[in-house]
Amino acid sequence: MKKIIYSLFIGLMALTACKKEMEPVFRESIDKRLKDTLDNYQRILMGAEYGWNTLVFPLQGGAYNFYMKFTDSNRVQMFADLSEQTANQMQESSWRLKALQQPSLLFDTYSYLHQLSDPDGNVNGGVDGAGLQSDFEFAFDGMQGDTIKLRGRFNHTVAYMIKASKAEQDLHYSQQVRRTFDRVGSLQTFFIRLSSAETKCDLQVDISSHRMLIGWQQEGKYRIYTSNYYYTATGIGLANPYADTVKLPFTKLDNATWNNNILHCNIDGKAATITETVLPLQVDTAAPRNWYNEALAAGDYWQTFNGWHINGVEDALNVHSTARYYSFGYWPQYDTDTDFLPWITVNAAGTGLTYAYGVFFDGPPVFDTKGFLYFSPFAEGGTRPSPYTPVQRTYQLMADSGGFYMVKFAEKIYFMVSATTGKAWIAWYR
């Protein structure tokens, strides 16, 4: 009898367990819950009274800001910081929400946003076939306060949507957004100096790629960092705090005016100016030797493709005018106590590279304790390229008695800058 009761008890437990497993966790169906989620996101997107600022960070670098206003007819009115024109000219396209692997926001007709992904590199300055590797279909990746985080479905581009203000909306629709910050492109020194009562920074701005090299002193050390930046309705913002992991000396710049070759502005609400500067706040005294020794240790050479940038002009000496020009280099210890500048050309068959001319330098250059280096050319070899003047002026400028300082921009990329004027430099690649 005990065995029968025990068996019945076990059976009842099994039935109870099965019944619990069969009970649905959610009261509504999956389809109903997905619809509710999408409806909620639709209410949020359309409920932003003054629209959204959407910051997009493509994989190829840079940061881009799109002002968006969503309507109930699945249309989105959009402005973009791609240029002053796109920041003031509204473009309308379509959008929709869809339940894919995650609730997703799709921009399904060509818009300013699609330009970042355009496979034609001429459209966005990116790589042919991939553009800047951005997205126009995004999965929702969380929301905190007035900020929605998105992640691209193809390239996994990170993007943020932040509720815009009435002032920002008004500036776009009244076509009053100005790109005054871009006037810094007319300043001709390699570094420009941002100064306020509390902050001093060295900046090197690449307007076309929305990138900025920032140098500043922190706890007695000079730090240098490359940050993406985007344009706002009143100025620019740095990727920090959305993407950068380094605490930068400022996060936004606005209310810029241009007067007598000086940019007046506010940084984080405090008055500041941006002017030319010959030297950075601190010269990297190790950079010249590091530049030289990196190529020496690899048995390699540095090369530049456009040669000297002088007074705001790229390839100022017109090295591309020489026959079949490809690049010229700097080869440490090409021979004992001798460095070499080869003039590299495409061979006559067009199938490879060669050099038939070069200039010899005392090797190594002179490195002084202030972080400057000095070159001494002493002989030529081979057949002079034609025309010869760009070649002659190139190596003569390297013999400038004022010397040069080095800035490590990235792995295997250095800038060599005139310590005399700060307005002439070479970008070396390896």
Protein backbone atom coordinates (compact mmCIF):
# COMPACT_ATOMS: atom_id res chain seq x y z
CA MET A 1 0.00 0.00 0.00
CA LYS A 2 2.83 2.40 0.84
CA LYS A 3 4.40 1.69 -2.53
CA ILE A 4 1.13 2.57 -4.31
CA ILE A 5 0.73 5.85 -2.39
CA TYR A 6 4.38 6.76 -3.08
CA SER A 7 3.91 6.06 -6.80
CA LEU A 8 0.78 8.23 -6.91
CA PHE A 9 2.65 11.05 -5.14
CA ILE A 10 5.49 10.93 -7.68
CA GLY A 11 2.97 10.94 -10.50
CA LEU A 12 1.16 13.95 -9.13
CA MET A 13 4.45 15.82 -8.82
CA ALA A 14 5.29 15.02 -12.44
CA LEU A 15 1.91 16.23 -13.65
CA THR A 16 2.24 19.41 -11.61
CA ALA A 17 5.71 20.04 -13.07
CA CYS A 18 4.44 19.48 -16.59
CA LYS A 19 1.55 21.83 -16.02
CA LYS A 20 3.91 24.59 -14.83
CA GLU A 21 6.20 24.09 -17.83
CA MET A 22 3.23 24.40 -20.16
CA GLU A 23 2.03 27.64 -18.59
CA PRO A 24 3.14 30.64 -20.73
CA VAL A 25 5.63 33.02 -19.13
CA PHE A 26 3.97 36.04 -20.80
CA ARG A 27 0.27 36.60 -21.05
CA GLU A 28 0.51 38.13 -24.54
CA SER A 29 1.84 36.43 -27.66
CA ILE A 30 5.26 37.22 -29.10
CA ASP A 31 3.67 39.09 -32.00
CA LYS A 32 1.61 41.20 -29.61
CA ARG A 33 4.64 42.05 -27.47
CA LEU A 34 6.71 42.99 -30.53
CA LYS A 35 3.93 45.22 -31.80
CA ASP A 36 3.65 46.91 -28.41
CA THR A 37 7.43 47.51 -28.35
CA LEU A 38 7.43 49.02 -31.83
CA ASP A 39 4.41 51.18 -31.01
CA ASN A 40 6.23 52.43 -27.92
CA TYR A 41 9.35 53.36 -29.95
CA GLN A 42 7.15 55.10 -32.49
CA ARG A 43 5.56 57.19 -29.74
CA ILE A 44 9.01 58.05 -28.38
CA LEU A 45 10.43 59.08 -31.79
CA MET A 46 7.44 61.19 -32.71
CA GLY A 47 6.99 62.50 -29.19
CA ALA A 48 10.20 64.57 -29.26
CA GLU A 49 8.64 68.01 -29.71
CA TYR A 50 11.76 69.58 -31.23
CA GLY A 51 13.19 66.53 -32.98
CA TRP A 52 16.42 64.61 -32.47
CA ASN A 53 20.13 65.14 -32.90
CA THR A 54 21.48 61.82 -34.20
CA LEU A 55 25.24 61.31 -33.80
CA VAL A 56 26.73 58.63 -36.05
CA PHE A 57 30.25 57.21 -35.72
CA PRO A 58 31.25 55.33 -38.93
CA LEU A 59 33.88 52.61 -38.75
CA GLN A 60 36.22 54.59 -41.02
CA GLY A 61 36.32 57.41 -38.45
CA GLY A 62 34.83 60.83 -38.00
CA ALA A 63 31.58 61.77 -36.30
CA TYR A 64 28.48 63.15 -37.99
CA ASN A 65 25.37 64.87 -36.67
CA PHE A 66 21.93 64.63 -38.29
CA TYR A 67 18.96 66.63 -37.10
CA MET A 68 15.78 64.54 -37.56
CA LYS A 69 12.08 65.27 -37.13
CA PHE A 70 9.83 62.20 -37.44
CA THR A 71 6.22 62.53 -38.63
CA ASP A 72 3.18 60.26 -38.33
CA SER A 73 3.20 59.55 -42.07
CA ASN A 74 6.48 57.68 -41.73
CA ARG A 75 8.41 60.58 -43.17
CA VAL A 76 11.50 62.10 -41.61
CA GLN A 77 12.72 65.64 -42.18
CA MET A 78 16.49 65.69 -42.01
CA PHE A 79 19.41 68.13 -41.90
CA ALA A 80 23.07 67.02 -41.81
CA ASP A 81 26.44 68.44 -40.80
CA LEU A 82 28.04 67.24 -44.04
CA SER A 83 28.33 70.86 -45.14
CA GLU A 84 26.86 74.26 -44.37
CA GLN A 85 24.39 73.67 -47.19
CA THR A 86 23.10 70.34 -45.86
CA ALA A 87 22.84 71.84 -42.35
CA ASN A 88 20.38 74.42 -43.71
CA GLN A 89 18.60 72.56 -46.51
CA MET A 90 15.93 70.12 -45.32
CA GLN A 91 15.68 66.76 -47.03
CA GLU A 92 12.65 64.51 -46.54
CA SER A 93 12.71 60.73 -46.86
CA SER A 94 10.92 57.71 -45.42
CA TRP A 95 11.48 55.62 -42.31
CA ARG A 96 9.84 52.66 -40.62
CA LEU A 97 10.11 50.45 -37.58
CA LYS A 98 10.41 46.72 -38.07
CA ALA A 99 10.76 43.68 -35.84
CA LEU A 100 13.89 41.92 -37.09
CA GLN A 101 16.20 40.13 -34.68
CA GLN A 102 15.65 43.21 -32.53
CA PRO A 103 13.22 46.13 -32.84
CA SER A 104 14.88 48.22 -35.55
CA LEU A 105 14.74 51.68 -37.11
CA LEU A 106 15.13 51.64 -40.89
CA PHE A 107 15.76 54.63 -43.14
CA ASP A 108 14.52 53.04 -46.33
CA THR A 109 14.93 55.74 -49.00
CA TYR A 110 18.13 57.60 -49.89
CA SER A 111 18.87 60.47 -47.51
CA TYR A 112 21.75 62.48 -46.09
CA LEU A 113 22.36 59.55 -43.74
CA HIS A 114 22.90 57.20 -46.70
CA GLN A 115 25.74 59.39 -47.98
CA LEU A 116 28.04 58.02 -45.27
CA SER A 117 27.49 54.52 -46.67
CA ASP A 118 27.63 55.46 -50.35
CA PRO A 119 30.12 53.10 -52.06
CA ASP A 120 31.42 55.96 -54.19
CA GLY A 121 34.34 57.33 -52.19
CA ASN A 122 33.96 60.72 -53.89
CA VAL A 123 30.65 61.20 -52.07
CA ASN A 124 32.04 60.91 -48.54
CA GLY A 125 35.83 60.74 -48.79
CA GLY A 126 35.76 57.07 -47.79
CA VAL A 127 36.88 53.86 -49.45
CA ASP A 128 35.50 52.99 -52.88
CA GLY A 129 33.10 50.09 -52.47
CA ALA A 130 32.44 50.76 -48.79
CA GLY A 131 32.29 54.51 -48.20
CA LEU A 132 32.83 55.33 -44.52
CA GLN A 133 31.38 51.94 -43.47
CA SER A 134 28.29 53.34 -41.85
CA ASP A 135 24.68 52.11 -41.59
CA PHE A 136 21.13 53.21 -42.35
CA GLU A 137 19.39 50.35 -40.56
CA PHE A 138 19.75 50.38 -36.77
CA ALA A 139 18.70 48.14 -33.91
CA PHE A 140 17.61 49.82 -30.68
CA ASP A 141 20.31 49.21 -28.07
CA GLY A 142 18.85 50.90 -25.00
CA MET A 143 17.56 54.24 -23.76
CA GLN A 144 18.60 56.42 -20.86
CA GLY A 145 16.92 59.73 -20.15
CA ASP A 146 16.64 61.70 -23.42
CA THR A 147 19.20 59.54 -25.24
CA ILE A 148 18.59 56.44 -27.36
CA LYS A 149 21.52 54.23 -28.29
CA LEU A 150 21.48 52.53 -31.69
CA ARG A 151 23.70 49.94 -33.32
CA GLY A 152 23.96 49.45 -37.09
CA ARG A 153 22.69 46.13 -38.39
CA PHE A 154 25.38 45.65 -41.06
CA ASN A 155 28.55 47.50 -40.01
CA HIS A 156 27.57 47.73 -36.32
CA THR A 157 27.93 51.50 -36.43
CA VAL A 158 27.31 53.11 -33.05
CA ALA A 159 24.82 55.99 -33.05
CA TYR A 160 23.05 58.09 -30.43
CA MET A 161 19.78 59.99 -30.69
CA ILE A 162 19.51 62.94 -28.28
CA LYS A 163 16.43 65.11 -27.99
CA ALA A 164 17.02 68.47 -29.65
CA SER A 165 16.14 71.88 -28.25
CA LYS A 166 13.79 74.44 -29.78
CA ALA A 167 16.78 76.70 -30.47
CA GLU A 168 18.51 73.94 -32.45
CA GLN A 169 15.35 73.20 -34.40
CA ASP A 170 14.81 76.88 -35.18
CA LEU A 171 18.37 77.39 -36.45
CA HIS A 172 18.04 74.55 -38.95
CA TYR A 173 14.59 75.45 -40.28
CA SER A 174 15.42 79.17 -40.48
CA GLN A 175 18.65 78.32 -42.36
CA GLN A 176 20.89 80.07 -39.85
CA VAL A 177 23.42 77.31 -39.09
CA ARG A 178 26.94 78.61 -39.80
CA ARG A 179 30.19 76.69 -40.06
CA THR A 180 32.39 79.48 -38.70
CA PHE A 181 34.66 76.92 -37.03
CA ASP A 182 35.87 75.88 -40.49
CA ARG A 183 37.74 79.19 -40.73
CA VAL A 184 40.50 77.53 -38.72
CA GLY A 185 41.40 75.87 -42.03
CA SER A 186 42.89 79.19 -43.16
CA LEU A 187 45.35 79.23 -40.25
CA GLN A 188 48.61 77.99 -41.72
CA THR A 189 50.69 76.59 -38.85
CA PHE A 190 50.65 72.84 -38.24
CA PHE A 191 49.35 73.32 -34.72
CA ILE A 192 46.90 76.04 -33.77
CA ARG A 193 46.53 77.20 -30.18
CA LEU A 194 43.24 77.09 -28.29
CA SER A 195 43.48 79.38 -25.26
CA SER A 196 41.11 80.27 -22.46
CA ALA A 197 41.64 81.51 -18.90
CA GLU A 198 41.81 77.88 -17.73
CA THR A 199 42.81 75.82 -20.76
CA LYS A 200 45.54 75.76 -23.38
CA CYS A 201 45.52 73.12 -26.12
CA ASP A 202 47.31 72.42 -29.37
CA LEU A 203 44.92 71.52 -32.18
CA GLN A 204 45.48 70.07 -35.63
CA VAL A 205 42.15 69.94 -37.45
CA ASP A 206 41.23 67.82 -40.48
CA ILE A 207 37.95 69.38 -41.57
CA SER A 208 37.29 66.88 -44.36
CA SER A 209 37.36 63.83 -42.07
CA HIS A 210 35.89 65.43 -38.91
CA ARG A 211 39.01 64.57 -36.89
CA MET A 212 41.09 66.66 -34.55
CA LEU A 213 44.51 66.07 -33.00
CA ILE A 214 44.55 67.54 -29.48
CA GLY A 215 47.65 68.13 -27.38
CA TRP A 216 47.53 69.32 -23.78
CA GLN A 217 49.48 69.21 -20.54
CA GLN A 218 48.13 67.09 -17.73
CA GLU A 219 49.84 66.53 -14.41
CA GLY A 220 53.15 67.73 -15.83
CA LYS A 221 52.99 65.50 -18.92
CA TYR A 222 52.12 66.38 -22.48
CA ARG A 223 49.32 64.25 -23.85
CA ILE A 224 48.26 63.98 -27.47
CA TYR A 225 45.10 62.33 -28.73
CA THR A 226 43.09 62.16 -31.95
CA SER A 227 39.36 62.72 -31.44
CA ASN A 228 36.45 62.65 -33.86
CA TYR A 229 34.25 65.71 -33.84
CA TYR A 230 30.82 66.60 -35.21
CA TYR A 231 29.06 69.88 -35.97
CA THR A 232 26.22 71.24 -33.90
CA ALA A 233 23.79 74.03 -34.74
CA THR A 234 26.10 76.50 -32.96
CA GLY A 235 29.60 75.01 -33.26
CA ILE A 236 31.22 71.58 -32.79
CA GLY A 237 31.19 68.78 -30.23
CA LEU A 238 33.88 66.20 -29.56
CA ALA A 239 33.06 62.49 -29.64
CA ASN A 240 33.61 62.50 -25.87
CA PRO A 241 31.53 61.48 -23.95
CA TYR A 242 29.84 59.30 -26.58
CA ALA A 243 32.84 57.50 -28.07
CA ASP A 244 36.18 58.70 -26.68
CA THR A 245 37.54 56.91 -23.63
CA VAL A 246 40.04 59.65 -22.77
CA LYS A 247 38.94 62.67 -20.73
CA LEU A 248 39.68 65.56 -23.05
CA PRO A 249 40.30 69.16 -21.94
CA PHE A 250 37.03 70.34 -23.52
CA THR A 251 33.90 68.76 -24.99
CA LYS A 252 32.23 71.44 -27.10
CA LEU A 253 32.98 74.71 -28.86
CA ASP A 254 30.30 77.17 -29.93
CA ASN A 255 29.38 80.80 -30.69
CA ALA A 256 32.41 81.21 -32.95
CA THR A 257 33.26 84.49 -34.68
CA TRP A 258 36.18 85.27 -36.98
CA ASN A 259 38.15 88.50 -36.76
CA ASN A 260 41.64 89.46 -37.91
CA ASN A 261 42.83 85.85 -38.34
CA ILE A 262 41.60 84.87 -34.85
CA LEU A 263 38.68 82.58 -34.07
CA HIS A 264 36.82 83.80 -30.98
CA CYS A 265 34.57 81.21 -29.36
CA ASN A 266 33.35 79.58 -26.16
CA ILE A 267 34.62 76.21 -24.98
CA ASP A 268 32.27 74.57 -22.50
CA GLY A 269 30.76 77.99 -21.96
CA LYS A 270 34.02 79.89 -21.34
CA ALA A 271 35.56 82.51 -23.65
CA ALA A 272 38.50 81.29 -25.75
CA THR A 273 40.50 82.08 -28.88
CA ILE A 274 42.19 79.98 -31.57
CA THR A 275 45.35 81.40 -33.19
CA GLU A 276 48.44 80.25 -35.06
CA THR A 277 51.42 78.94 -33.10
CA VAL A 278 54.90 77.99 -34.33
CA LEU A 279 55.60 75.37 -31.66
CA PRO A 280 53.37 73.10 -29.60
CA LEU A 281 53.01 73.55 -25.85
CA GLN A 282 55.67 70.91 -25.48
CA VAL A 283 57.94 69.39 -28.13
CA ASP A 284 58.22 65.60 -27.97
CA THR A 285 61.98 65.30 -27.47
CA ALA A 286 61.95 61.54 -28.12
CA ALA A 287 59.97 61.68 -31.38
CA PRO A 288 62.84 62.52 -33.80
CA ARG A 289 65.00 59.59 -32.67
CA ASN A 290 61.98 57.30 -32.55
CA TRP A 291 61.11 58.24 -36.12
CA TYR A 292 64.64 57.54 -37.29
CA ASN A 293 65.12 54.32 -35.32
CA GLU A 294 61.76 52.79 -36.30
CA ALA A 295 62.74 52.64 -39.96
CA LEU A 296 66.35 51.74 -39.13
CA ALA A 297 65.31 48.77 -36.99
CA ALA A 298 62.97 47.53 -39.73
CA GLY A 299 65.60 47.94 -42.46
CA ASP A 300 63.03 50.15 -44.13
CA TYR A 301 62.48 53.76 -45.19
CA TRP A 302 59.90 56.48 -44.68
CA GLN A 303 58.09 57.94 -47.66
CA THR A 304 55.85 60.87 -48.43
CA PHE A 305 53.51 61.19 -51.37
CA ASN A 306 52.74 64.91 -51.55
CA GLY A 307 56.01 66.25 -50.23
CA TRP A 308 56.00 69.64 -48.52
CA HIS A 309 52.84 71.33 -47.29
CA ILE A 310 53.73 75.05 -47.09
CA ASN A 311 51.61 78.05 -46.09
CA GLY A 312 48.38 76.11 -46.46
CA VAL A 313 49.24 74.57 -49.83
CA GLU A 314 49.53 70.80 -50.23
CA ASP A 315 52.39 69.71 -52.52
CA ALA A 316 53.59 73.29 -52.50
CA LEU A 317 56.74 72.39 -54.45
CA ASN A 318 54.77 70.49 -57.12
CA VAL A 319 56.66 67.19 -56.86
CA HIS A 320 53.84 65.52 -58.80
CA SER A 321 54.97 67.42 -61.88
CA THR A 322 58.12 65.30 -62.16
CA ALA A 323 58.04 62.42 -64.63
CA ARG A 324 56.24 59.26 -63.39
CA TYR A 325 56.46 60.49 -59.78
CA TYR A 326 55.20 58.16 -57.03
CA SER A 327 56.85 59.34 -53.79
CA PHE A 328 60.17 60.20 -52.21
CA GLY A 329 61.63 58.69 -49.08
CA TYR A 330 64.15 58.92 -46.28
CA TRP A 331 66.28 55.80 -45.77
CA PRO A 332 68.35 55.70 -42.55
CA GLN A 333 71.83 54.18 -42.89
CA TYR A 334 71.51 53.35 -46.55
CA ASP A 335 75.27 53.03 -46.29
CA THR A 336 77.71 53.53 -43.45
CA ASP A 337 77.13 57.00 -41.93
CA THR A 338 74.99 57.87 -44.94
CA ASP A 339 71.24 58.33 -45.22
CA PHE A 340 69.47 58.43 -48.56
CA LEU A 341 66.50 60.25 -50.08
CA PRO A 342 65.35 58.13 -53.06
CA TRP A 343 63.10 59.75 -55.68
CA ILE A 344 60.65 56.92 -56.35
CA THR A 345 58.92 56.61 -59.71
CA VAL A 346 56.72 54.21 -61.63
CA ASN A 347 58.85 52.18 -64.02
CA ALA A 348 58.61 52.66 -67.79
CA ALA A 349 56.42 49.58 -68.18
CA GLY A 350 54.02 50.84 -65.52
CA THR A 351 54.27 47.56 -63.64
CA GLY A 352 56.23 48.55 -60.53
CA LEU A 353 58.30 51.12 -58.67
CA THR A 354 61.93 52.06 -59.04
CA TYR A 355 64.36 54.89 -58.36
CA ALA A 356 67.15 56.19 -60.56
CA TYR A 357 68.01 59.28 -58.51
CA GLY A 358 68.55 60.23 -54.90
CA VAL A 359 70.20 62.64 -52.49
CA PHE A 360 72.70 61.53 -49.82
CA PHE A 361 72.64 62.95 -46.29
CA ASP A 362 74.97 62.73 -43.32
CA GLY A 363 73.56 59.95 -41.19
CA PRO A 364 72.13 60.09 -38.68
CA PRO A 365 70.77 63.66 -38.58
CA VAL A 366 71.66 65.87 -35.61
CA PHE A 367 69.22 65.46 -32.69
CA ASP A 368 69.40 68.21 -30.08
CA THR A 369 68.16 68.15 -26.49
CA LYS A 370 65.19 70.42 -27.33
CA GLY A 371 63.63 67.78 -29.58
CA PHE A 372 64.69 69.27 -32.93
CA LEU A 373 66.53 67.48 -35.73
CA TYR A 374 68.74 68.86 -38.49
CA PHE A 375 69.57 67.37 -41.89
CA SER A 376 72.76 67.77 -43.93
CA PRO A 377 72.56 66.77 -47.62
CA PHE A 378 76.00 66.44 -49.25
CA ALA A 379 75.70 64.76 -52.67
CA GLU A 380 73.40 63.60 -55.45
CA GLY A 381 73.40 60.34 -57.35
CA GLY A 382 71.80 59.08 -60.56
CA THR A 383 69.85 60.84 -63.29
CA ARG A 384 68.05 63.99 -62.23
CA PRO A 385 64.26 63.85 -62.65
CA SER A 386 62.59 66.31 -64.97
CA PRO A 387 61.65 68.99 -64.14
CA TYR A 388 64.42 69.26 -61.57
CA THR A 389 63.37 72.39 -59.65
CA PRO A 390 60.77 70.62 -57.41
CA VAL A 391 63.40 68.03 -56.47
CA GLN A 392 66.09 70.61 -55.70
CA ARG A 393 63.76 72.75 -53.61
CA THR A 394 62.59 69.64 -51.72
CA TYR A 395 65.96 68.61 -50.36
CA GLN A 396 67.15 72.20 -49.92
CA LEU A 397 64.23 72.84 -47.60
CA MET A 398 65.23 69.80 -45.56
CA ALA A 399 68.56 71.53 -44.95
CA ASP A 400 66.81 74.45 -43.18
CA SER A 401 69.14 75.52 -40.36
CA GLY A 402 66.15 76.13 -38.06
CA GLY A 403 65.51 72.39 -37.89
CA PHE A 404 62.30 70.41 -37.44
CA TYR A 405 60.24 68.80 -34.71
CA MET A 406 58.35 65.53 -35.04
CA VAL A 407 54.76 64.65 -34.13
CA LYS A 408 53.72 61.00 -34.01
CA PHE A 409 50.23 61.08 -35.50
CA ALA A 410 49.50 57.34 -35.51
CA GLU A 411 51.33 54.04 -35.89
CA LYS A 412 53.78 54.42 -38.78
CA ILE A 413 52.74 58.02 -39.42
CA TYR A 414 54.84 61.03 -38.35
CA PHE A 415 54.65 64.70 -39.23
CA MET A 416 57.92 66.61 -39.57
CA VAL A 417 57.28 70.32 -38.95
CA SER A 418 59.46 73.38 -39.49
CA ALA A 419 60.62 74.72 -36.12
CA THR A 420 61.25 78.09 -37.79
CA THR A 421 57.74 78.96 -38.98
CA GLY A 422 55.49 76.02 -38.14
CA LYS A 423 53.98 76.54 -41.62
CA ALA A 424 55.88 73.87 -43.53
CA TRP A 425 55.68 70.13 -42.92
CA ILE A 426 55.95 66.66 -44.40
CA ALA A 427 53.81 63.65 -43.57
CA TRP A 428 56.01 60.53 -43.39
CA TYR A 429 54.47 57.06 -43.82
CA ARG A 430 55.95 53.59 -43.51
